[in-house]
Amino acid sequence: MSRLKLVADPKFRAKVAIPLAGGDPVEVEFVFKHRTRTALKEFIESRAGVSDIDTLFEIACGWELEDEFSKENLNTLLENYAGSALAIYQTYRDELVKSRPKT
């Protein structure tokens, strides 16, 4: 029996490597909202002029940090770790579209 379901779960988890200045990245597990191929394309096309915080709050709905997942705490993460917004967004997109073996 295949583990593949015709309709994907509405949420999935993925580890994001948050870059640290002067150190190695730290992996933080995020809970992301799944989008279909069409919905992802429309979402990406709608991002012009939308802030990083609003974009990321629309793709993620949780994390493994002790702090509550909220817009305020997400903004604190983005302010303190400048490369985190891009890392989160790229991981989300890559998890949805890239074909790569899990090790």
PDB file of N, CA and C in Angstrom:
ATOM      1  N   MET A   1       0.832  -1.173   0.000  1.00  0.00           N
ATOM      2  CA  MET A   1       0.000   0.000   0.000  1.00  0.00           C
ATOM      3  C   MET A   1       0.886   1.248   0.000  1.00  0.00           C
ATOM      4  N   SER A   2       0.583   2.166  -0.861  1.00  0.00           N
ATOM      5  CA  SER A   2       1.360   3.393  -0.980  1.00  0.00           C
ATOM      6  C   SER A   2       1.100   4.332   0.188  1.00  0.00           C
ATOM      7  N   ARG A   3       2.126   5.066   0.606  1.00  0.00           N
ATOM      8  CA  ARG A   3       1.955   6.081   1.645  1.00  0.00           C
ATOM      9  C   ARG A   3       1.424   7.381   1.056  1.00  0.00           C
ATOM     10  N   LEU A   4       1.404   7.457  -0.273  1.00  0.00           N
ATOM     11  CA  LEU A   4       0.931   8.666  -0.944  1.00  0.00           C
ATOM     12  C   LEU A   4      -0.587   8.730  -0.878  1.00  0.00           C
ATOM     13  N   LYS A   5      -1.085   9.890  -0.487  1.00  0.00           N
ATOM     14  CA  LYS A   5      -2.524  10.132  -0.492  1.00  0.00           C
ATOM     15  C   LYS A   5      -2.817  11.064  -1.660  1.00  0.00           C
ATOM     16  N   LEU A   6      -3.926  10.850  -2.306  1.00  0.00           N
ATOM     17  CA  LEU A   6      -4.291  11.662  -3.457  1.00  0.00           C
ATOM     18  C   LEU A   6      -4.383  13.138  -3.081  1.00  0.00           C
ATOM     19  N   VAL A   7      -4.908  13.426  -1.920  1.00  0.00           N
ATOM     20  CA  VAL A   7      -4.993  14.806  -1.426  1.00  0.00           C
ATOM     21  C   VAL A   7      -4.047  14.918  -0.230  1.00  0.00           C
ATOM     22  N   ALA A   8      -3.115  15.850  -0.327  1.00  0.00           N
ATOM     23  CA  ALA A   8      -2.103  16.027   0.721  1.00  0.00           C
ATOM     24  C   ALA A   8      -2.718  16.556   2.007  1.00  0.00           C
ATOM     25  N   ASP A   9      -2.047  16.269   3.117  1.00  0.00           N
ATOM     26  CA  ASP A   9      -2.474  16.814   4.404  1.00  0.00           C
ATOM     27  C   ASP A   9      -2.422  18.335   4.355  1.00  0.00           C
ATOM     28  N   PRO A  10      -3.283  19.005   5.090  1.00  0.00           N
ATOM     29  CA  PRO A  10      -3.314  20.469   5.040  1.00  0.00           C
ATOM     30  C   PRO A  10      -2.099  21.146   5.683  1.00  0.00           C
ATOM     31  N   LYS A  11      -1.353  20.411   6.495  1.00  0.00           N
ATOM     32  CA  LYS A  11      -0.164  20.955   7.152  1.00  0.00           C
ATOM     33  C   LYS A  11       0.966  19.946   7.042  1.00  0.00           C
ATOM     34  N   PHE A  12       2.192  20.459   7.044  1.00  0.00           N
ATOM     35  CA  PHE A  12       3.362  19.589   7.065  1.00  0.00           C
ATOM     36  C   PHE A  12       4.459  20.262   7.876  1.00  0.00           C
ATOM     37  N   ARG A  13       5.400  19.463   8.330  1.00  0.00           N
ATOM     38  CA  ARG A  13       6.521  19.956   9.135  1.00  0.00           C
ATOM     39  C   ARG A  13       7.804  19.879   8.321  1.00  0.00           C
ATOM     40  N   ALA A  14       8.661  20.871   8.530  1.00  0.00           N
ATOM     41  CA  ALA A  14       9.965  20.867   7.872  1.00  0.00           C
ATOM     42  C   ALA A  14      10.943  21.659   8.728  1.00  0.00           C
ATOM     43  N   LYS A  15      12.187  21.203   8.739  1.00  0.00           N
ATOM     44  CA  LYS A  15      13.230  21.914   9.479  1.00  0.00           C
ATOM     45  C   LYS A  15      13.816  23.007   8.598  1.00  0.00           C
ATOM     46  N   VAL A  16      13.951  24.188   9.198  1.00  0.00           N
ATOM     47  CA  VAL A  16      14.518  25.347   8.518  1.00  0.00           C
ATOM     48  C   VAL A  16      15.858  25.665   9.178  1.00  0.00           C
ATOM     49  N   ALA A  17      16.897  25.799   8.362  1.00  0.00           N
ATOM     50  CA  ALA A  17      18.217  26.165   8.869  1.00  0.00           C
ATOM     51  C   ALA A  17      18.278  27.685   9.003  1.00  0.00           C
ATOM     52  N   ILE A  18      18.131  28.170  10.232  1.00  0.00           N
ATOM     53  CA  ILE A  18      18.170  29.613  10.502  1.00  0.00           C
ATOM     54  C   ILE A  18      19.631  30.029  10.606  1.00  0.00           C
ATOM     55  N   PRO A  19      20.084  30.935   9.714  1.00  0.00           N
ATOM     56  CA  PRO A  19      21.487  31.352   9.759  1.00  0.00           C
ATOM     57  C   PRO A  19      21.792  32.225  10.974  1.00  0.00           C
ATOM     58  N   LEU A  20      22.920  31.944  11.606  1.00  0.00           N
ATOM     59  CA  LEU A  20      23.378  32.722  12.758  1.00  0.00           C
ATOM     60  C   LEU A  20      24.639  33.471  12.372  1.00  0.00           C
ATOM     61  N   ALA A  21      24.691  34.738  12.679  1.00  0.00           N
ATOM     62  CA  ALA A  21      25.893  35.523  12.409  1.00  0.00           C
ATOM     63  C   ALA A  21      27.060  34.937  13.198  1.00  0.00           C
ATOM     64  N   GLY A  22      28.136  34.637  12.500  1.00  0.00           N
ATOM     65  CA  GLY A  22      29.331  34.128  13.161  1.00  0.00           C
ATOM     66  C   GLY A  22      29.258  32.684  13.609  1.00  0.00           C
ATOM     67  N   GLY A  23      28.211  31.978  13.219  1.00  0.00           N
ATOM     68  CA  GLY A  23      28.089  30.582  13.646  1.00  0.00           C
ATOM     69  C   GLY A  23      27.381  29.737  12.613  1.00  0.00           C
ATOM     70  N   ASP A  24      27.236  28.484  12.922  1.00  0.00           N
ATOM     71  CA  ASP A  24      26.536  27.566  12.038  1.00  0.00           C
ATOM     72  C   ASP A  24      25.027  27.772  12.158  1.00  0.00           C
ATOM     73  N   PRO A  25      24.295  27.508  11.086  1.00  0.00           N
ATOM     74  CA  PRO A  25      22.832  27.617  11.154  1.00  0.00           C
ATOM     75  C   PRO A  25      22.257  26.665  12.209  1.00  0.00           C
ATOM     76  N   VAL A  26      21.115  27.054  12.754  1.00  0.00           N
ATOM     77  CA  VAL A  26      20.403  26.227  13.727  1.00  0.00           C
ATOM     78  C   VAL A  26      19.091  25.800  13.096  1.00  0.00           C
ATOM     79  N   GLU A  27      18.802  24.504  13.151  1.00  0.00           N
ATOM     80  CA  GLU A  27      17.563  24.004  12.578  1.00  0.00           C
ATOM     81  C   GLU A  27      16.393  24.206  13.532  1.00  0.00           C
ATOM     82  N   VAL A  28      15.328  24.768  12.994  1.00  0.00           N
ATOM     83  CA  VAL A  28      14.089  24.976  13.736  1.00  0.00           C
ATOM     84  C   VAL A  28      12.969  24.347  12.917  1.00  0.00           C
ATOM     85  N   GLU A  29      12.197  23.485  13.537  1.00  0.00           N
ATOM     86  CA  GLU A  29      11.090  22.857  12.821  1.00  0.00           C
ATOM     87  C   GLU A  29       9.895  23.800  12.789  1.00  0.00           C
ATOM     88  N   PHE A  30       9.369  24.005  11.586  1.00  0.00           N
ATOM     89  CA  PHE A  30       8.176  24.822  11.380  1.00  0.00           C
ATOM     90  C   PHE A  30       7.019  23.938  10.949  1.00  0.00           C
ATOM     91  N   VAL A  31       5.818  24.383  11.236  1.00  0.00           N
ATOM     92  CA  VAL A  31       4.616  23.755  10.713  1.00  0.00           C
ATOM     93  C   VAL A  31       4.122  24.678   9.607  1.00  0.00           C
ATOM     94  N   PHE A  32       4.030  24.126   8.401  1.00  0.00           N
ATOM     95  CA  PHE A  32       3.645  24.912   7.237  1.00  0.00           C
ATOM     96  C   PHE A  32       2.264  24.506   6.735  1.00  0.00           C
ATOM     97  N   LYS A  33       1.632  25.443   6.060  1.00  0.00           N
ATOM     98  CA  LYS A  33       0.337  25.197   5.429  1.00  0.00           C
ATOM     99  C   LYS A  33       0.585  24.694   4.004  1.00  0.00           C
ATOM    100  N   HIS A  34      -0.014  23.576   3.673  1.00  0.00           N
ATOM    101  CA  HIS A  34       0.145  23.017   2.331  1.00  0.00           C
ATOM    102  C   HIS A  34      -0.661  23.840   1.323  1.00  0.00           C
ATOM    103  N   ARG A  35      -0.135  23.967   0.125  1.00  0.00           N
ATOM    104  CA  ARG A  35      -0.851  24.577  -0.996  1.00  0.00           C
ATOM    105  C   ARG A  35      -0.727  23.668  -2.197  1.00  0.00           C
ATOM    106  N   THR A  36      -1.765  23.622  -2.993  1.00  0.00           N
ATOM    107  CA  THR A  36      -1.694  22.886  -4.249  1.00  0.00           C
ATOM    108  C   THR A  36      -0.766  23.632  -5.193  1.00  0.00           C
ATOM    109  N   ARG A  37      -0.418  23.008  -6.280  1.00  0.00           N
ATOM    110  CA  ARG A  37       0.447  23.650  -7.275  1.00  0.00           C
ATOM    111  C   ARG A  37      -0.156  24.959  -7.754  1.00  0.00           C
ATOM    112  N   THR A  38      -1.443  24.950  -8.080  1.00  0.00           N
ATOM    113  CA  THR A  38      -2.110  26.163  -8.556  1.00  0.00           C
ATOM    114  C   THR A  38      -2.158  27.226  -7.466  1.00  0.00           C
ATOM    115  N   ALA A  39      -2.499  26.818  -6.255  1.00  0.00           N
ATOM    116  CA  ALA A  39      -2.571  27.774  -5.143  1.00  0.00           C
ATOM    117  C   ALA A  39      -1.199  28.359  -4.838  1.00  0.00           C
ATOM    118  N   LEU A  40      -0.144  27.542  -4.933  1.00  0.00           N
ATOM    119  CA  LEU A  40       1.211  28.046  -4.693  1.00  0.00           C
ATOM    120  C   LEU A  40       1.593  29.076  -5.749  1.00  0.00           C
ATOM    121  N   LYS A  41       1.294  28.796  -6.991  1.00  0.00           N
ATOM    122  CA  LYS A  41       1.598  29.738  -8.073  1.00  0.00           C
ATOM    123  C   LYS A  41       0.882  31.064  -7.843  1.00  0.00           C
ATOM    124  N   GLU A  42      -0.398  31.007  -7.496  1.00  0.00           N
ATOM    125  CA  GLU A  42      -1.167  32.230  -7.239  1.00  0.00           C
ATOM    126  C   GLU A  42      -0.615  32.979  -6.027  1.00  0.00           C
ATOM    127  N   PHE A  43      -0.231  32.239  -5.002  1.00  0.00           N
ATOM    128  CA  PHE A  43       0.325  32.846  -3.797  1.00  0.00           C
ATOM    129  C   PHE A  43       1.617  33.587  -4.126  1.00  0.00           C
ATOM    130  N   ILE A  44       2.522  32.935  -4.845  1.00  0.00           N
ATOM    131  CA  ILE A  44       3.799  33.555  -5.202  1.00  0.00           C
ATOM    132  C   ILE A  44       3.566  34.814  -6.036  1.00  0.00           C
ATOM    133  N   GLU A  45       2.655  34.737  -6.982  1.00  0.00           N
ATOM    134  CA  GLU A  45       2.363  35.894  -7.846  1.00  0.00           C
ATOM    135  C   GLU A  45       1.730  37.048  -7.069  1.00  0.00           C
ATOM    136  N   SER A  46       1.129  36.774  -5.928  1.00  0.00           N
ATOM    137  CA  SER A  46       0.448  37.820  -5.150  1.00  0.00           C
ATOM    138  C   SER A  46       1.347  38.490  -4.124  1.00  0.00           C
ATOM    139  N   ARG A  47       2.615  38.136  -4.063  1.00  0.00           N
ATOM    140  CA  ARG A  47       3.503  38.629  -3.005  1.00  0.00           C
ATOM    141  C   ARG A  47       4.084  40.019  -3.253  1.00  0.00           C
ATOM    142  N   ALA A  48       3.949  40.570  -4.427  1.00  0.00           N
ATOM    143  CA  ALA A  48       4.511  41.901  -4.695  1.00  0.00           C
ATOM    144  C   ALA A  48       3.937  42.913  -3.701  1.00  0.00           C
ATOM    145  N   GLY A  49       4.816  43.608  -3.017  1.00  0.00           N
ATOM    146  CA  GLY A  49       4.398  44.645  -2.085  1.00  0.00           C
ATOM    147  C   GLY A  49       3.938  44.128  -0.727  1.00  0.00           C
ATOM    148  N   VAL A  50       3.997  42.826  -0.507  1.00  0.00           N
ATOM    149  CA  VAL A  50       3.574  42.245   0.775  1.00  0.00           C
ATOM    150  C   VAL A  50       4.818  42.050   1.645  1.00  0.00           C
ATOM    151  N   SER A  51       4.720  42.404   2.908  1.00  0.00           N
ATOM    152  CA  SER A  51       5.872  42.315   3.807  1.00  0.00           C
ATOM    153  C   SER A  51       6.267  40.866   4.079  1.00  0.00           C
ATOM    154  N   ASP A  52       7.526  40.698   4.486  1.00  0.00           N
ATOM    155  CA  ASP A  52       8.016  39.365   4.852  1.00  0.00           C
ATOM    156  C   ASP A  52       7.166  38.775   5.974  1.00  0.00           C
ATOM    157  N   ILE A  53       6.869  39.567   6.979  1.00  0.00           N
ATOM    158  CA  ILE A  53       6.125  39.047   8.124  1.00  0.00           C
ATOM    159  C   ILE A  53       4.747  38.556   7.707  1.00  0.00           C
ATOM    160  N   ASP A  54       4.061  39.312   6.848  1.00  0.00           N
ATOM    161  CA  ASP A  54       2.735  38.886   6.386  1.00  0.00           C
ATOM    162  C   ASP A  54       2.827  37.643   5.510  1.00  0.00           C
ATOM    163  N   THR A  55       3.826  37.594   4.646  1.00  0.00           N
ATOM    164  CA  THR A  55       4.007  36.421   3.787  1.00  0.00           C
ATOM    165  C   THR A  55       4.278  35.176   4.626  1.00  0.00           C
ATOM    166  N   LEU A  56       5.201  35.277   5.564  1.00  0.00           N
ATOM    167  CA  LEU A  56       5.563  34.114   6.367  1.00  0.00           C
ATOM    168  C   LEU A  56       4.429  33.678   7.280  1.00  0.00           C
ATOM    169  N   PHE A  57       3.647  34.616   7.765  1.00  0.00           N
ATOM    170  CA  PHE A  57       2.520  34.258   8.619  1.00  0.00           C
ATOM    171  C   PHE A  57       1.429  33.550   7.811  1.00  0.00           C
ATOM    172  N   GLU A  58       1.425  33.742   6.505  1.00  0.00           N
ATOM    173  CA  GLU A  58       0.460  33.053   5.647  1.00  0.00           C
ATOM    174  C   GLU A  58       0.932  31.657   5.249  1.00  0.00           C
ATOM    175  N   ILE A  59       2.222  31.370   5.379  1.00  0.00           N
ATOM    176  CA  ILE A  59       2.704  30.039   4.999  1.00  0.00           C
ATOM    177  C   ILE A  59       2.955  29.140   6.201  1.00  0.00           C
ATOM    178  N   ALA A  60       3.241  29.720   7.356  1.00  0.00           N
ATOM    179  CA  ALA A  60       3.545  28.925   8.548  1.00  0.00           C
ATOM    180  C   ALA A  60       2.448  29.114   9.596  1.00  0.00           C
ATOM    181  N   CYS A  61       2.298  28.093  10.436  1.00  0.00           N
ATOM    182  CA  CYS A  61       1.284  28.187  11.495  1.00  0.00           C
ATOM    183  C   CYS A  61       1.789  27.638  12.823  1.00  0.00           C
ATOM    184  N   GLY A  62       3.097  27.363  12.894  1.00  0.00           N
ATOM    185  CA  GLY A  62       3.651  26.879  14.147  1.00  0.00           C
ATOM    186  C   GLY A  62       5.141  26.634  14.014  1.00  0.00           C
ATOM    187  N   TRP A  63       5.773  26.418  15.167  1.00  0.00           N
ATOM    188  CA  TRP A  63       7.200  26.109  15.212  1.00  0.00           C
ATOM    189  C   TRP A  63       7.510  25.375  16.489  1.00  0.00           C
ATOM    190  N   GLU A  64       8.730  24.848  16.581  1.00  0.00           N
ATOM    191  CA  GLU A  64       9.112  24.087  17.759  1.00  0.00           C
ATOM    192  C   GLU A  64       9.709  24.956  18.871  1.00  0.00           C
ATOM    193  N   LEU A  65       9.806  26.242  18.673  1.00  0.00           N
ATOM    194  CA  LEU A  65      10.352  27.126  19.702  1.00  0.00           C
ATOM    195  C   LEU A  65       9.432  27.158  20.919  1.00  0.00           C
ATOM    196  N   GLU A  66       9.998  27.447  22.081  1.00  0.00           N
ATOM    197  CA  GLU A  66       9.194  27.547  23.302  1.00  0.00           C
ATOM    198  C   GLU A  66       8.237  28.727  23.244  1.00  0.00           C
ATOM    199  N   ASP A  67       8.631  29.771  22.529  1.00  0.00           N
ATOM    200  CA  ASP A  67       7.779  30.951  22.410  1.00  0.00           C
ATOM    201  C   ASP A  67       6.597  30.645  21.492  1.00  0.00           C
ATOM    202  N   GLU A  68       5.445  31.188  21.835  1.00  0.00           N
ATOM    203  CA  GLU A  68       4.242  30.989  21.038  1.00  0.00           C
ATOM    204  C   GLU A  68       4.461  31.479  19.604  1.00  0.00           C
ATOM    205  N   PHE A  69       3.904  30.764  18.642  1.00  0.00           N
ATOM    206  CA  PHE A  69       3.969  31.220  17.259  1.00  0.00           C
ATOM    207  C   PHE A  69       2.919  32.321  17.096  1.00  0.00           C
ATOM    208  N   SER A  70       3.405  33.542  16.923  1.00  0.00           N
ATOM    209  CA  SER A  70       2.532  34.698  16.734  1.00  0.00           C
ATOM    210  C   SER A  70       3.236  35.658  15.780  1.00  0.00           C
ATOM    211  N   LYS A  71       2.482  36.607  15.257  1.00  0.00           N
ATOM    212  CA  LYS A  71       3.100  37.593  14.363  1.00  0.00           C
ATOM    213  C   LYS A  71       4.192  38.369  15.094  1.00  0.00           C
ATOM    214  N   GLU A  72       3.927  38.718  16.329  1.00  0.00           N
ATOM    215  CA  GLU A  72       4.898  39.483  17.114  1.00  0.00           C
ATOM    216  C   GLU A  72       6.185  38.684  17.314  1.00  0.00           C
ATOM    217  N   ASN A  73       6.067  37.410  17.686  1.00  0.00           N
ATOM    218  CA  ASN A  73       7.261  36.591  17.902  1.00  0.00           C
ATOM    219  C   ASN A  73       7.968  36.260  16.592  1.00  0.00           C
ATOM    220  N   LEU A  74       7.202  36.064  15.531  1.00  0.00           N
ATOM    221  CA  LEU A  74       7.815  35.846  14.219  1.00  0.00           C
ATOM    222  C   LEU A  74       8.606  37.081  13.808  1.00  0.00           C
ATOM    223  N   ASN A  75       8.054  38.248  14.049  1.00  0.00           N
ATOM    224  CA  ASN A  75       8.764  39.491  13.732  1.00  0.00           C
ATOM    225  C   ASN A  75      10.048  39.608  14.557  1.00  0.00           C
ATOM    226  N   THR A  76       9.996  39.202  15.813  1.00  0.00           N
ATOM    227  CA  THR A  76      11.194  39.227  16.654  1.00  0.00           C
ATOM    228  C   THR A  76      12.272  38.323  16.070  1.00  0.00           C
ATOM    229  N   LEU A  77      11.880  37.134  15.607  1.00  0.00           N
ATOM    230  CA  LEU A  77      12.835  36.233  14.965  1.00  0.00           C
ATOM    231  C   LEU A  77      13.452  36.891  13.736  1.00  0.00           C
ATOM    232  N   LEU A  78      12.616  37.484  12.885  1.00  0.00           N
ATOM    233  CA  LEU A  78      13.117  38.116  11.657  1.00  0.00           C
ATOM    234  C   LEU A  78      14.032  39.287  11.966  1.00  0.00           C
ATOM    235  N   GLU A  79      13.731  40.050  12.984  1.00  0.00           N
ATOM    236  CA  GLU A  79      14.561  41.198  13.364  1.00  0.00           C
ATOM    237  C   GLU A  79      15.923  40.763  13.895  1.00  0.00           C
ATOM    238  N   ASN A  80      15.959  39.659  14.620  1.00  0.00           N
ATOM    239  CA  ASN A  80      17.197  39.214  15.251  1.00  0.00           C
ATOM    240  C   ASN A  80      18.067  38.345  14.362  1.00  0.00           C
ATOM    241  N   TYR A  81      17.465  37.700  13.367  1.00  0.00           N
ATOM    242  CA  TYR A  81      18.203  36.822  12.469  1.00  0.00           C
ATOM    243  C   TYR A  81      17.850  37.212  11.042  1.00  0.00           C
ATOM    244  N   ALA A  82      18.655  38.114  10.495  1.00  0.00           N
ATOM    245  CA  ALA A  82      18.344  38.767   9.217  1.00  0.00           C
ATOM    246  C   ALA A  82      18.097  37.791   8.068  1.00  0.00           C
ATOM    247  N   GLY A  83      18.757  36.670   8.050  1.00  0.00           N
ATOM    248  CA  GLY A  83      18.584  35.709   6.962  1.00  0.00           C
ATOM    249  C   GLY A  83      17.435  34.739   7.160  1.00  0.00           C
ATOM    250  N   SER A  84      16.721  34.871   8.260  1.00  0.00           N
ATOM    251  CA  SER A  84      15.690  33.879   8.577  1.00  0.00           C
ATOM    252  C   SER A  84      14.486  33.944   7.641  1.00  0.00           C
ATOM    253  N   ALA A  85      14.086  35.122   7.210  1.00  0.00           N
ATOM    254  CA  ALA A  85      12.908  35.231   6.335  1.00  0.00           C
ATOM    255  C   ALA A  85      13.134  34.450   5.045  1.00  0.00           C
ATOM    256  N   LEU A  86      14.273  34.654   4.417  1.00  0.00           N
ATOM    257  CA  LEU A  86      14.576  33.956   3.174  1.00  0.00           C
ATOM    258  C   LEU A  86      14.696  32.452   3.412  1.00  0.00           C
ATOM    259  N   ALA A  87      15.324  32.055   4.504  1.00  0.00           N
ATOM    260  CA  ALA A  87      15.487  30.630   4.808  1.00  0.00           C
ATOM    261  C   ALA A  87      14.127  29.951   5.000  1.00  0.00           C
ATOM    262  N   ILE A  88      13.222  30.608   5.700  1.00  0.00           N
ATOM    263  CA  ILE A  88      11.889  30.038   5.936  1.00  0.00           C
ATOM    264  C   ILE A  88      11.128  29.927   4.625  1.00  0.00           C
ATOM    265  N   TYR A  89      11.127  30.991   3.846  1.00  0.00           N
ATOM    266  CA  TYR A  89      10.392  31.003   2.576  1.00  0.00           C
ATOM    267  C   TYR A  89      10.939  29.955   1.606  1.00  0.00           C
ATOM    268  N   GLN A  90      12.260  29.895   1.478  1.00  0.00           N
ATOM    269  CA  GLN A  90      12.861  28.934   0.552  1.00  0.00           C
ATOM    270  C   GLN A  90      12.590  27.495   0.972  1.00  0.00           C
ATOM    271  N   THR A  91      12.652  27.230   2.265  1.00  0.00           N
ATOM    272  CA  THR A  91      12.361  25.876   2.740  1.00  0.00           C
ATOM    273  C   THR A  91      10.919  25.504   2.416  1.00  0.00           C
ATOM    274  N   TYR A  92      10.000  26.413   2.657  1.00  0.00           N
ATOM    275  CA  TYR A  92       8.586  26.165   2.345  1.00  0.00           C
ATOM    276  C   TYR A  92       8.402  25.836   0.870  1.00  0.00           C
ATOM    277  N   ARG A  93       8.929  26.707   0.032  1.00  0.00           N
ATOM    278  CA  ARG A  93       8.787  26.507  -1.419  1.00  0.00           C
ATOM    279  C   ARG A  93       9.453  25.210  -1.858  1.00  0.00           C
ATOM    280  N   ASP A  94      10.660  24.973  -1.370  1.00  0.00           N
ATOM    281  CA  ASP A  94      11.393  23.766  -1.742  1.00  0.00           C
ATOM    282  C   ASP A  94      10.654  22.506  -1.311  1.00  0.00           C
ATOM    283  N   GLU A  95      10.080  22.508  -0.128  1.00  0.00           N
ATOM    284  CA  GLU A  95       9.354  21.333   0.354  1.00  0.00           C
ATOM    285  C   GLU A  95       8.136  21.040  -0.521  1.00  0.00           C
ATOM    286  N   LEU A  96       7.526  22.073  -1.054  1.00  0.00           N
ATOM    287  CA  LEU A  96       6.349  21.868  -1.894  1.00  0.00           C
ATOM    288  C   LEU A  96       6.686  21.440  -3.314  1.00  0.00           C
ATOM    289  N   VAL A  97       7.825  21.883  -3.856  1.00  0.00           N
ATOM    290  CA  VAL A  97       8.057  21.653  -5.281  1.00  0.00           C
ATOM    291  C   VAL A  97       9.268  20.801  -5.628  1.00  0.00           C
ATOM    292  N   LYS A  98      10.220  20.683  -4.777  1.00  0.00           N
ATOM    293  CA  LYS A  98      11.435  19.951  -5.144  1.00  0.00           C
ATOM    294  C   LYS A  98      11.265  18.471  -4.925  1.00  0.00           C
ATOM    295  N   SER A  99      11.835  17.736  -5.821  1.00  0.00           N
ATOM    296  CA  SER A  99      11.880  16.287  -5.712  1.00  0.00           C
ATOM    297  C   SER A  99      13.275  15.929  -5.243  1.00  0.00           C
ATOM    298  N   ARG A 100      13.377  15.464  -4.019  1.00  0.00           N
ATOM    299  CA  ARG A 100      14.689  15.096  -3.513  1.00  0.00           C
ATOM    300  C   ARG A 100      14.521  13.963  -2.509  1.00  0.00           C
ATOM    301  N   PRO A 101      15.467  13.066  -2.494  1.00  0.00           N
ATOM    302  CA  PRO A 101      15.358  11.938  -1.555  1.00  0.00           C
ATOM    303  C   PRO A 101      15.608  12.406  -0.126  1.00  0.00           C
ATOM    304  N   LYS A 102      14.882  11.858   0.796  1.00  0.00           N
ATOM    305  CA  LYS A 102      15.107  12.124   2.232  1.00  0.00           C
ATOM    306  C   LYS A 102      16.180  11.169   2.716  1.00  0.00           C
ATOM    307  N   THR A 103      17.093  11.708   3.511  1.00  0.00           N
ATOM    308  CA  THR A 103      18.154  10.841   4.035  1.00  0.00           C
ATOM    309  C   THR A 103      18.006  10.659   5.514  1.00  0.00           C
TER     310      THR A 103
END
